[in-house]
C-alpha cells in the first residue's frame, strides 16, 4: 500500500464520518417539516370548518 493510496482511504473515511451525521440530520429535519406541514394543514382545515 503506497502512502498516497493510504491518504485517499483516510480522506474517504473522514468524508463518510462527516456525511453520515449530516444525512441523518437532514432526514430528521425533513421529517419535522412533514409533521409541521401536516399539522398546519389540519389546523387550516379546522379553521375553515369553524
PDB file of N, CA and C in Angstrom:
ATOM      1  N   UNK A   1       0.860  -1.202   0.000  1.00  0.00           N
ATOM      2  CA  UNK A   1       0.000   0.000   0.000  1.00  0.00           C
ATOM      3  C   UNK A   1       0.889   1.243   0.000  1.00  0.00           C
ATOM      4  N   UNK A   2       0.692   2.109  -0.982  1.00  0.00           N
ATOM      5  CA  UNK A   2       1.505   3.316  -1.067  1.00  0.00           C
ATOM      6  C   UNK A   2       0.954   4.370  -0.125  1.00  0.00           C
ATOM      7  N   UNK A   3       1.768   5.380   0.156  1.00  0.00           N
ATOM      8  CA  UNK A   3       1.358   6.445   1.064  1.00  0.00           C
ATOM      9  C   UNK A   3       0.155   7.197   0.491  1.00  0.00           C
ATOM     10  N   UNK A   4       0.203   7.470  -0.808  1.00  0.00           N
ATOM     11  CA  UNK A   4      -0.880   8.208  -1.464  1.00  0.00           C
ATOM     12  C   UNK A   4      -2.195   7.436  -1.354  1.00  0.00           C
ATOM     13  N   UNK A   5      -2.132   6.142  -1.622  1.00  0.00           N
ATOM     14  CA  UNK A   5      -3.327   5.311  -1.542  1.00  0.00           C
ATOM     15  C   UNK A   5      -3.905   5.328  -0.148  1.00  0.00           C
ATOM     16  N   UNK A   6      -3.028   5.294   0.847  1.00  0.00           N
ATOM     17  CA  UNK A   6      -3.475   5.282   2.238  1.00  0.00           C
ATOM     18  C   UNK A   6      -4.192   6.591   2.585  1.00  0.00           C
ATOM     19  N   UNK A   7      -3.623   7.707   2.120  1.00  0.00           N
ATOM     20  CA  UNK A   7      -4.221   9.016   2.401  1.00  0.00           C
ATOM     21  C   UNK A   7      -5.611   9.101   1.789  1.00  0.00           C
ATOM     22  N   UNK A   8      -5.728   8.577   0.581  1.00  0.00           N
ATOM     23  CA  UNK A   8      -7.021   8.592  -0.114  1.00  0.00           C
ATOM     24  C   UNK A   8      -8.058   7.849   0.729  1.00  0.00           C
ATOM     25  N   UNK A   9      -7.670   6.678   1.235  1.00  0.00           N
ATOM     26  CA  UNK A   9      -8.571   5.865   2.063  1.00  0.00           C
ATOM     27  C   UNK A   9      -9.023   6.662   3.283  1.00  0.00           C
ATOM     28  N   UNK A  10      -8.058   7.288   3.954  1.00  0.00           N
ATOM     29  CA  UNK A  10      -8.362   8.045   5.162  1.00  0.00           C
ATOM     30  C   UNK A  10      -9.316   9.194   4.862  1.00  0.00           C
ATOM     31  N   UNK A  11      -9.047   9.917   3.787  1.00  0.00           N
ATOM     32  CA  UNK A  11      -9.908  11.039   3.403  1.00  0.00           C
ATOM     33  C   UNK A  11     -11.326  10.557   3.158  1.00  0.00           C
ATOM     34  N   UNK A  12     -11.440   9.439   2.463  1.00  0.00           N
ATOM     35  CA  UNK A  12     -12.763   8.889   2.162  1.00  0.00           C
ATOM     36  C   UNK A  12     -13.480   8.545   3.465  1.00  0.00           C
ATOM     37  N   UNK A  13     -12.742   7.933   4.389  1.00  0.00           N
ATOM     38  CA  UNK A  13     -13.327   7.531   5.666  1.00  0.00           C
ATOM     39  C   UNK A  13     -13.815   8.759   6.433  1.00  0.00           C
ATOM     40  N   UNK A  14     -13.004   9.819   6.425  1.00  0.00           N
ATOM     41  CA  UNK A  14     -13.381  11.043   7.124  1.00  0.00           C
ATOM     42  C   UNK A  14     -14.631  11.648   6.501  1.00  0.00           C
ATOM     43  N   UNK A  15     -14.690  11.608   5.174  1.00  0.00           N
ATOM     44  CA  UNK A  15     -15.859  12.148   4.463  1.00  0.00           C
ATOM     45  C   UNK A  15     -17.112  11.400   4.899  1.00  0.00           C
ATOM     46  N   UNK A  16     -17.009  10.081   4.978  1.00  0.00           N
ATOM     47  CA  UNK A  16     -18.150   9.255   5.383  1.00  0.00           C
ATOM     48  C   UNK A  16     -18.555   9.615   6.810  1.00  0.00           C
ATOM     49  N   UNK A  17     -17.565   9.788   7.683  1.00  0.00           N
ATOM     50  CA  UNK A  17     -17.851  10.120   9.075  1.00  0.00           C
ATOM     51  C   UNK A  17     -18.581  11.453   9.178  1.00  0.00           C
ATOM     52  N   UNK A  18     -18.242  12.379   8.281  1.00  0.00           N
ATOM     53  CA  UNK A  18     -18.878  13.693   8.309  1.00  0.00           C
ATOM     54  C   UNK A  18     -20.246  13.650   7.633  1.00  0.00           C
ATOM     55  N   UNK A  19     -20.318  12.932   6.527  1.00  0.00           N
ATOM     56  CA  UNK A  19     -21.551  12.899   5.734  1.00  0.00           C
ATOM     57  C   UNK A  19     -22.690  12.172   6.434  1.00  0.00           C
ATOM     58  N   UNK A  20     -22.391  11.054   7.070  1.00  0.00           N
ATOM     59  CA  UNK A  20     -23.432  10.249   7.711  1.00  0.00           C
ATOM     60  C   UNK A  20     -24.289  11.057   8.696  1.00  0.00           C
ATOM     61  N   UNK A  21     -23.680  11.769   9.654  1.00  0.00           N
ATOM     62  CA  UNK A  21     -24.492  12.547  10.598  1.00  0.00           C
ATOM     63  C   UNK A  21     -25.296  13.640   9.905  1.00  0.00           C
ATOM     64  N   UNK A  22     -24.717  14.250   8.865  1.00  0.00           N
ATOM     65  CA  UNK A  22     -25.417  15.318   8.144  1.00  0.00           C
ATOM     66  C   UNK A  22     -26.660  14.749   7.478  1.00  0.00           C
ATOM     67  N   UNK A  23     -26.502  13.582   6.854  1.00  0.00           N
ATOM     68  CA  UNK A  23     -27.642  12.943   6.190  1.00  0.00           C
ATOM     69  C   UNK A  23     -28.714  12.589   7.212  1.00  0.00           C
ATOM     70  N   UNK A  24     -28.257  12.119   8.376  1.00  0.00           N
ATOM     71  CA  UNK A  24     -29.197  11.754   9.445  1.00  0.00           C
ATOM     72  C   UNK A  24     -29.968  13.000   9.881  1.00  0.00           C
ATOM     73  N   UNK A  25     -29.224  14.092  10.017  1.00  0.00           N
ATOM     74  CA  UNK A  25     -29.815  15.353  10.445  1.00  0.00           C
ATOM     75  C   UNK A  25     -30.826  15.844   9.413  1.00  0.00           C
ATOM     76  N   UNK A  26     -30.448  15.755   8.136  1.00  0.00           N
ATOM     77  CA  UNK A  26     -31.339  16.187   7.058  1.00  0.00           C
ATOM     78  C   UNK A  26     -32.623  15.366   7.065  1.00  0.00           C
ATOM     79  N   UNK A  27     -32.481  14.070   7.304  1.00  0.00           N
ATOM     80  CA  UNK A  27     -33.648  13.188   7.340  1.00  0.00           C
ATOM     81  C   UNK A  27     -34.579  13.614   8.477  1.00  0.00           C
ATOM     82  N   UNK A  28     -33.982  13.951   9.626  1.00  0.00           N
ATOM     83  CA  UNK A  28     -34.779  14.388  10.775  1.00  0.00           C
ATOM     84  C   UNK A  28     -35.502  15.688  10.462  1.00  0.00           C
ATOM     85  N   UNK A  29     -34.776  16.626   9.863  1.00  0.00           N
ATOM     86  CA  UNK A  29     -35.363  17.922   9.522  1.00  0.00           C
ATOM     87  C   UNK A  29     -36.524  17.724   8.557  1.00  0.00           C
ATOM     88  N   UNK A  30     -36.312  16.862   7.562  1.00  0.00           N
ATOM     89  CA  UNK A  30     -37.350  16.580   6.574  1.00  0.00           C
ATOM     90  C   UNK A  30     -38.594  16.035   7.280  1.00  0.00           C
ATOM     91  N   UNK A  31     -38.366  15.116   8.219  1.00  0.00           N
ATOM     92  CA  UNK A  31     -39.469  14.505   8.958  1.00  0.00           C
ATOM     93  C   UNK A  31     -40.223  15.577   9.749  1.00  0.00           C
ATOM     94  N   UNK A  32     -39.453  16.444  10.406  1.00  0.00           N
ATOM     95  CA  UNK A  32     -40.059  17.522  11.190  1.00  0.00           C
ATOM     96  C   UNK A  32     -40.912  18.414  10.299  1.00  0.00           C
ATOM     97  N   UNK A  33     -40.367  18.767   9.142  1.00  0.00           N
ATOM     98  CA  UNK A  33     -41.070  19.636   8.208  1.00  0.00           C
ATOM     99  C   UNK A  33     -42.382  19.000   7.770  1.00  0.00           C
ATOM    100  N   UNK A  34     -42.322  17.692   7.488  1.00  0.00           N
ATOM    101  CA  UNK A  34     -43.521  16.978   7.061  1.00  0.00           C
ATOM    102  C   UNK A  34     -44.574  17.008   8.169  1.00  0.00           C
ATOM    103  N   UNK A  35     -44.123  16.787   9.410  1.00  0.00           N
ATOM    104  CA  UNK A  35     -45.051  16.782  10.543  1.00  0.00           C
ATOM    105  C   UNK A  35     -45.677  18.158  10.731  1.00  0.00           C
ATOM    106  N   UNK A  36     -44.835  19.195  10.667  1.00  0.00           N
ATOM    107  CA  UNK A  36     -45.326  20.570  10.827  1.00  0.00           C
ATOM    108  C   UNK A  36     -46.310  20.888   9.711  1.00  0.00           C
ATOM    109  N   UNK A  37     -45.955  20.494   8.496  1.00  0.00           N
ATOM    110  CA  UNK A  37     -46.815  20.725   7.332  1.00  0.00           C
ATOM    111  C   UNK A  37     -48.168  20.049   7.549  1.00  0.00           C
ATOM    112  N   UNK A  38     -48.125  18.823   8.063  1.00  0.00           N
ATOM    113  CA  UNK A  38     -49.352  18.078   8.330  1.00  0.00           C
ATOM    114  C   UNK A  38     -50.201  18.774   9.379  1.00  0.00           C
ATOM    115  N   UNK A  39     -49.546  19.277  10.429  1.00  0.00           N
ATOM    116  CA  UNK A  39     -50.271  19.969  11.495  1.00  0.00           C
ATOM    117  C   UNK A  39     -50.898  21.249  10.970  1.00  0.00           C
ATOM    118  N   UNK A  40     -50.156  21.971  10.138  1.00  0.00           N
ATOM    119  CA  UNK A  40     -50.668  23.219   9.577  1.00  0.00           C
ATOM    120  C   UNK A  40     -51.891  22.949   8.710  1.00  0.00           C
ATOM    121  N   UNK A  41     -51.808  21.888   7.910  1.00  0.00           N
ATOM    122  CA  UNK A  41     -52.925  21.532   7.040  1.00  0.00           C
ATOM    123  C   UNK A  41     -54.155  21.211   7.885  1.00  0.00           C
ATOM    124  N   UNK A  42     -53.925  20.455   8.958  1.00  0.00           N
ATOM    125  CA  UNK A  42     -55.011  20.070   9.855  1.00  0.00           C
ATOM    126  C   UNK A  42     -55.624  21.325  10.485  1.00  0.00           C
ATOM    127  N   UNK A  43     -54.749  22.219  10.933  1.00  0.00           N
ATOM    128  CA  UNK A  43     -55.178  23.447  11.590  1.00  0.00           C
ATOM    129  C   UNK A  43     -56.021  24.286  10.635  1.00  0.00           C
ATOM    130  N   UNK A  44     -55.569  24.395   9.397  1.00  0.00           N
ATOM    131  CA  UNK A  44     -56.297  25.179   8.390  1.00  0.00           C
ATOM    132  C   UNK A  44     -57.670  24.576   8.147  1.00  0.00           C
ATOM    133  N   UNK A  45     -57.721  23.250   8.099  1.00  0.00           N
ATOM    134  CA  UNK A  45     -58.995  22.544   7.885  1.00  0.00           C
ATOM    135  C   UNK A  45     -59.965  22.890   9.014  1.00  0.00           C
ATOM    136  N   UNK A  46     -59.467  22.847  10.250  1.00  0.00           N
ATOM    137  CA  UNK A  46     -60.310  23.133  11.409  1.00  0.00           C
ATOM    138  C   UNK A  46     -60.823  24.563  11.355  1.00  0.00           C
ATOM    139  N   UNK A  47     -59.942  25.493  10.969  1.00  0.00           N
ATOM    140  CA  UNK A  47     -60.330  26.903  10.881  1.00  0.00           C
ATOM    141  C   UNK A  47     -61.412  27.087   9.824  1.00  0.00           C
ATOM    142  N   UNK A  48     -61.228  26.441   8.689  1.00  0.00           N
ATOM    143  CA  UNK A  48     -62.199  26.547   7.600  1.00  0.00           C
ATOM    144  C   UNK A  48     -63.547  25.961   8.019  1.00  0.00           C
ATOM    145  N   UNK A  49     -63.495  24.852   8.755  1.00  0.00           N
ATOM    146  CA  UNK A  49     -64.721  24.192   9.208  1.00  0.00           C
ATOM    147  C   UNK A  49     -65.439  25.089  10.219  1.00  0.00           C
ATOM    148  N   UNK A  50     -64.647  25.740  11.095  1.00  0.00           N
ATOM    149  CA  UNK A  50     -65.230  26.607  12.114  1.00  0.00           C
ATOM    150  C   UNK A  50     -65.596  27.910  11.465  1.00  0.00           C
TER     151      UNK A  50
END
